[in-house]
């Protein structure tokens, strides 16, 4: 299964670690999206910055 991650809030004011996680997910500007495979490593990255992104399942 695949998941679509969308950056909905600016990471300005949050830690550099969260900036790097967002970069690794392929999210740059607010509103940008990326589709990833549903794996434990990706879910852990999303959990780190859950307050900045929205997640939805994609077929």
PDB file of N, CA and C in Angstrom:
ATOM      1  N   UNK A   1       0.846  -1.183   0.000  1.00  0.00           N
ATOM      2  CA  UNK A   1       0.000   0.000   0.000  1.00  0.00           C
ATOM      3  C   UNK A   1       0.889   1.243   0.000  1.00  0.00           C
ATOM      4  N   UNK A   2       0.403   2.285  -0.624  1.00  0.00           N
ATOM      5  CA  UNK A   2       1.153   3.538  -0.697  1.00  0.00           C
ATOM      6  C   UNK A   2       0.438   4.621   0.102  1.00  0.00           C
ATOM      7  N   UNK A   3       1.215   5.589   0.586  1.00  0.00           N
ATOM      8  CA  UNK A   3       0.658   6.717   1.326  1.00  0.00           C
ATOM      9  C   UNK A   3       1.158   8.013   0.708  1.00  0.00           C
ATOM     10  N   UNK A   4       0.283   9.002   0.715  1.00  0.00           N
ATOM     11  CA  UNK A   4       0.613  10.322   0.191  1.00  0.00           C
ATOM     12  C   UNK A   4       0.788  11.263   1.378  1.00  0.00           C
ATOM     13  N   UNK A   5       1.950  11.906   1.435  1.00  0.00           N
ATOM     14  CA  UNK A   5       2.269  12.818   2.526  1.00  0.00           C
ATOM     15  C   UNK A   5       2.294  14.232   1.963  1.00  0.00           C
ATOM     16  N   UNK A   6       1.569  15.155   2.593  1.00  0.00           N
ATOM     17  CA  UNK A   6       1.498  16.541   2.137  1.00  0.00           C
ATOM     18  C   UNK A   6       1.928  17.466   3.273  1.00  0.00           C
ATOM     19  N   UNK A   7       2.827  18.391   2.969  1.00  0.00           N
ATOM     20  CA  UNK A   7       3.275  19.374   3.954  1.00  0.00           C
ATOM     21  C   UNK A   7       2.208  20.455   4.064  1.00  0.00           C
ATOM     22  N   UNK A   8       1.600  20.583   5.259  1.00  0.00           N
ATOM     23  CA  UNK A   8       0.500  21.528   5.435  1.00  0.00           C
ATOM     24  C   UNK A   8       0.856  22.706   6.323  1.00  0.00           C
ATOM     25  N   UNK A   9       1.975  22.623   7.030  1.00  0.00           N
ATOM     26  CA  UNK A   9       2.377  23.698   7.920  1.00  0.00           C
ATOM     27  C   UNK A   9       3.868  23.939   7.751  1.00  0.00           C
ATOM     28  N   UNK A  10       4.286  25.185   7.857  1.00  0.00           N
ATOM     29  CA  UNK A  10       5.686  25.539   7.671  1.00  0.00           C
ATOM     30  C   UNK A  10       6.540  25.013   8.823  1.00  0.00           C
ATOM     31  N   UNK A  11       7.714  24.462   8.509  1.00  0.00           N
ATOM     32  CA  UNK A  11       8.587  23.959   9.568  1.00  0.00           C
ATOM     33  C   UNK A  11       9.436  25.052  10.227  1.00  0.00           C
ATOM     34  N   UNK A  12       9.231  26.299   9.859  1.00  0.00           N
ATOM     35  CA  UNK A  12       9.993  27.389  10.464  1.00  0.00           C
ATOM     36  C   UNK A  12       9.678  27.430  11.960  1.00  0.00           C
ATOM     37  N   UNK A  13      10.710  27.472  12.772  1.00  0.00           N
ATOM     38  CA  UNK A  13      10.537  27.513  14.216  1.00  0.00           C
ATOM     39  C   UNK A  13      10.625  26.154  14.873  1.00  0.00           C
ATOM     40  N   UNK A  14      10.742  25.096  14.082  1.00  0.00           N
ATOM     41  CA  UNK A  14      10.886  23.746  14.620  1.00  0.00           C
ATOM     42  C   UNK A  14      12.337  23.302  14.483  1.00  0.00           C
ATOM     43  N   UNK A  15      12.675  22.194  15.089  1.00  0.00           N
ATOM     44  CA  UNK A  15      14.071  21.755  15.151  1.00  0.00           C
ATOM     45  C   UNK A  15      14.625  21.405  13.766  1.00  0.00           C
ATOM     46  N   UNK A  16      15.963  21.454  13.668  1.00  0.00           N
ATOM     47  CA  UNK A  16      16.611  21.122  12.407  1.00  0.00           C
ATOM     48  C   UNK A  16      16.408  19.658  12.057  1.00  0.00           C
ATOM     49  N   UNK A  17      16.265  18.823  13.062  1.00  0.00           N
ATOM     50  CA  UNK A  17      16.023  17.396  12.807  1.00  0.00           C
ATOM     51  C   UNK A  17      14.720  17.215  12.043  1.00  0.00           C
ATOM     52  N   UNK A  18      13.692  17.980  12.392  1.00  0.00           N
ATOM     53  CA  UNK A  18      12.418  17.876  11.687  1.00  0.00           C
ATOM     54  C   UNK A  18      12.535  18.412  10.265  1.00  0.00           C
ATOM     55  N   UNK A  19      13.362  19.460  10.065  1.00  0.00           N
ATOM     56  CA  UNK A  19      13.608  19.965   8.712  1.00  0.00           C
ATOM     57  C   UNK A  19      14.229  18.867   7.856  1.00  0.00           C
ATOM     58  N   UNK A  20      15.196  18.154   8.428  1.00  0.00           N
ATOM     59  CA  UNK A  20      15.887  17.104   7.679  1.00  0.00           C
ATOM     60  C   UNK A  20      14.962  15.930   7.373  1.00  0.00           C
ATOM     61  N   UNK A  21      14.068  15.614   8.300  1.00  0.00           N
ATOM     62  CA  UNK A  21      13.102  14.535   8.060  1.00  0.00           C
ATOM     63  C   UNK A  21      12.187  14.915   6.901  1.00  0.00           C
ATOM     64  N   UNK A  22      11.730  16.163   6.887  1.00  0.00           N
ATOM     65  CA  UNK A  22      10.863  16.615   5.794  1.00  0.00           C
ATOM     66  C   UNK A  22      11.604  16.580   4.455  1.00  0.00           C
ATOM     67  N   UNK A  23      12.873  16.962   4.462  1.00  0.00           N
ATOM     68  CA  UNK A  23      13.670  16.896   3.236  1.00  0.00           C
ATOM     69  C   UNK A  23      13.801  15.454   2.761  1.00  0.00           C
ATOM     70  N   UNK A  24      14.035  14.541   3.702  1.00  0.00           N
ATOM     71  CA  UNK A  24      14.185  13.128   3.347  1.00  0.00           C
ATOM     72  C   UNK A  24      12.886  12.554   2.792  1.00  0.00           C
ATOM     73  N   UNK A  25      11.760  13.086   3.244  1.00  0.00           N
ATOM     74  CA  UNK A  25      10.472  12.647   2.714  1.00  0.00           C
ATOM     75  C   UNK A  25      10.178  13.262   1.345  1.00  0.00           C
ATOM     76  N   UNK A  26      10.969  14.236   0.934  1.00  0.00           N
ATOM     77  CA  UNK A  26      10.768  14.868  -0.366  1.00  0.00           C
ATOM     78  C   UNK A  26       9.822  16.045  -0.319  1.00  0.00           C
ATOM     79  N   UNK A  27       9.671  16.653   0.868  1.00  0.00           N
ATOM     80  CA  UNK A  27       8.754  17.777   1.034  1.00  0.00           C
ATOM     81  C   UNK A  27       9.564  19.053   1.209  1.00  0.00           C
ATOM     82  N   UNK A  28       9.321  20.036   0.340  1.00  0.00           N
ATOM     83  CA  UNK A  28      10.054  21.294   0.421  1.00  0.00           C
ATOM     84  C   UNK A  28       9.162  22.437   0.846  1.00  0.00           C
ATOM     85  N   UNK A  29       8.310  22.856  -0.063  1.00  0.00           N
ATOM     86  CA  UNK A  29       7.423  23.990   0.215  1.00  0.00           C
ATOM     87  C   UNK A  29       6.086  23.508   0.778  1.00  0.00           C
ATOM     88  N   UNK A  30       5.410  24.414   1.458  1.00  0.00           N
ATOM     89  CA  UNK A  30       4.080  24.099   1.980  1.00  0.00           C
ATOM     90  C   UNK A  30       3.161  23.775   0.801  1.00  0.00           C
ATOM     91  N   UNK A  31       2.445  22.684   0.908  1.00  0.00           N
ATOM     92  CA  UNK A  31       1.561  22.244  -0.160  1.00  0.00           C
ATOM     93  C   UNK A  31       2.172  21.164  -1.033  1.00  0.00           C
ATOM     94  N   UNK A  32       3.471  20.920  -0.898  1.00  0.00           N
ATOM     95  CA  UNK A  32       4.105  19.882  -1.709  1.00  0.00           C
ATOM     96  C   UNK A  32       3.729  18.504  -1.170  1.00  0.00           C
ATOM     97  N   UNK A  33       3.692  17.523  -2.063  1.00  0.00           N
ATOM     98  CA  UNK A  33       3.289  16.168  -1.702  1.00  0.00           C
ATOM     99  C   UNK A  33       4.296  15.167  -2.228  1.00  0.00           C
ATOM    100  N   UNK A  34       4.313  14.010  -1.589  1.00  0.00           N
ATOM    101  CA  UNK A  34       5.150  12.903  -2.038  1.00  0.00           C
ATOM    102  C   UNK A  34       4.418  11.610  -1.728  1.00  0.00           C
ATOM    103  N   UNK A  35       4.602  10.622  -2.593  1.00  0.00           N
ATOM    104  CA  UNK A  35       3.984   9.310  -2.406  1.00  0.00           C
ATOM    105  C   UNK A  35       5.091   8.333  -2.028  1.00  0.00           C
ATOM    106  N   UNK A  36       4.871   7.580  -0.947  1.00  0.00           N
ATOM    107  CA  UNK A  36       5.857   6.624  -0.460  1.00  0.00           C
ATOM    108  C   UNK A  36       5.194   5.284  -0.211  1.00  0.00           C
ATOM    109  N   UNK A  37       6.023   4.254  -0.202  1.00  0.00           N
ATOM    110  CA  UNK A  37       5.580   2.916   0.164  1.00  0.00           C
ATOM    111  C   UNK A  37       5.363   2.891   1.681  1.00  0.00           C
ATOM    112  N   UNK A  38       4.345   2.169   2.122  1.00  0.00           N
ATOM    113  CA  UNK A  38       4.010   2.089   3.543  1.00  0.00           C
ATOM    114  C   UNK A  38       4.986   1.137   4.232  1.00  0.00           C
ATOM    115  N   UNK A  39       6.066   1.699   4.827  1.00  0.00           N
ATOM    116  CA  UNK A  39       7.066   0.885   5.513  1.00  0.00           C
ATOM    117  C   UNK A  39       7.311   1.453   6.911  1.00  0.00           C
ATOM    118  N   UNK A  40       7.857   0.654   7.813  1.00  0.00           N
ATOM    119  CA  UNK A  40       8.099   1.140   9.179  1.00  0.00           C
ATOM    120  C   UNK A  40       9.006   2.359   9.241  1.00  0.00           C
ATOM    121  N   UNK A  41      10.000   2.427   8.368  1.00  0.00           N
ATOM    122  CA  UNK A  41      10.914   3.569   8.390  1.00  0.00           C
ATOM    123  C   UNK A  41      10.205   4.860   7.966  1.00  0.00           C
ATOM    124  N   UNK A  42       9.384   4.786   6.941  1.00  0.00           N
ATOM    125  CA  UNK A  42       8.631   5.962   6.489  1.00  0.00           C
ATOM    126  C   UNK A  42       7.619   6.379   7.543  1.00  0.00           C
ATOM    127  N   UNK A  43       6.935   5.407   8.151  1.00  0.00           N
ATOM    128  CA  UNK A  43       5.963   5.737   9.189  1.00  0.00           C
ATOM    129  C   UNK A  43       6.633   6.388  10.394  1.00  0.00           C
ATOM    130  N   UNK A  44       7.846   5.974  10.721  1.00  0.00           N
ATOM    131  CA  UNK A  44       8.587   6.596  11.813  1.00  0.00           C
ATOM    132  C   UNK A  44       8.949   8.036  11.492  1.00  0.00           C
ATOM    133  N   UNK A  45       9.319   8.286  10.231  1.00  0.00           N
ATOM    134  CA  UNK A  45       9.642   9.657   9.805  1.00  0.00           C
ATOM    135  C   UNK A  45       8.399  10.534   9.869  1.00  0.00           C
ATOM    136  N   UNK A  46       7.284   9.994   9.446  1.00  0.00           N
ATOM    137  CA  UNK A  46       6.029  10.753   9.488  1.00  0.00           C
ATOM    138  C   UNK A  46       5.638  11.041  10.934  1.00  0.00           C
ATOM    139  N   UNK A  47       5.851  10.074  11.807  1.00  0.00           N
ATOM    140  CA  UNK A  47       5.507  10.258  13.223  1.00  0.00           C
ATOM    141  C   UNK A  47       6.314  11.396  13.846  1.00  0.00           C
ATOM    142  N   UNK A  48       7.562  11.602  13.394  1.00  0.00           N
ATOM    143  CA  UNK A  48       8.421  12.660  13.909  1.00  0.00           C
ATOM    144  C   UNK A  48       7.860  14.045  13.619  1.00  0.00           C
ATOM    145  N   UNK A  49       7.167  14.197  12.500  1.00  0.00           N
ATOM    146  CA  UNK A  49       6.684  15.520  12.095  1.00  0.00           C
ATOM    147  C   UNK A  49       5.192  15.478  11.762  1.00  0.00           C
ATOM    148  N   UNK A  50       4.441  14.690  12.509  1.00  0.00           N
ATOM    149  CA  UNK A  50       3.009  14.524  12.264  1.00  0.00           C
ATOM    150  C   UNK A  50       2.240  15.840  12.360  1.00  0.00           C
ATOM    151  N   UNK A  51       2.717  16.774  13.185  1.00  0.00           N
ATOM    152  CA  UNK A  51       2.032  18.052  13.370  1.00  0.00           C
ATOM    153  C   UNK A  51       2.211  18.988  12.179  1.00  0.00           C
ATOM    154  N   UNK A  52       3.074  18.616  11.218  1.00  0.00           N
ATOM    155  CA  UNK A  52       3.333  19.467  10.059  1.00  0.00           C
ATOM    156  C   UNK A  52       2.763  18.902   8.754  1.00  0.00           C
ATOM    157  N   UNK A  53       2.338  17.650   8.770  1.00  0.00           N
ATOM    158  CA  UNK A  53       1.915  16.994   7.534  1.00  0.00           C
ATOM    159  C   UNK A  53       0.530  16.362   7.677  1.00  0.00           C
ATOM    160  N   UNK A  54      -0.073  16.071   6.526  1.00  0.00           N
ATOM    161  CA  UNK A  54      -1.282  15.258   6.488  1.00  0.00           C
ATOM    162  C   UNK A  54      -0.952  14.003   5.677  1.00  0.00           C
ATOM    163  N   UNK A  55      -1.579  12.899   6.048  1.00  0.00           N
ATOM    164  CA  UNK A  55      -1.291  11.623   5.418  1.00  0.00           C
ATOM    165  C   UNK A  55      -2.589  11.011   4.917  1.00  0.00           C
ATOM    166  N   UNK A  56      -2.561  10.475   3.712  1.00  0.00           N
ATOM    167  CA  UNK A  56      -3.736   9.772   3.167  1.00  0.00           C
ATOM    168  C   UNK A  56      -3.260   8.557   2.389  1.00  0.00           C
ATOM    169  N   UNK A  57      -4.101   7.530   2.353  1.00  0.00           N
ATOM    170  CA  UNK A  57      -3.760   6.311   1.635  1.00  0.00           C
ATOM    171  C   UNK A  57      -4.105   6.467   0.161  1.00  0.00           C
ATOM    172  N   UNK A  58      -3.250   5.892  -0.683  1.00  0.00           N
ATOM    173  CA  UNK A  58      -3.421   5.958  -2.123  1.00  0.00           C
ATOM    174  C   UNK A  58      -3.407   4.539  -2.660  1.00  0.00           C
ATOM    175  N   UNK A  59      -4.207   4.276  -3.668  1.00  0.00           N
ATOM    176  CA  UNK A  59      -4.233   2.946  -4.284  1.00  0.00           C
ATOM    177  C   UNK A  59      -3.121   2.801  -5.290  1.00  0.00           C
TER     178      UNK A  59
END
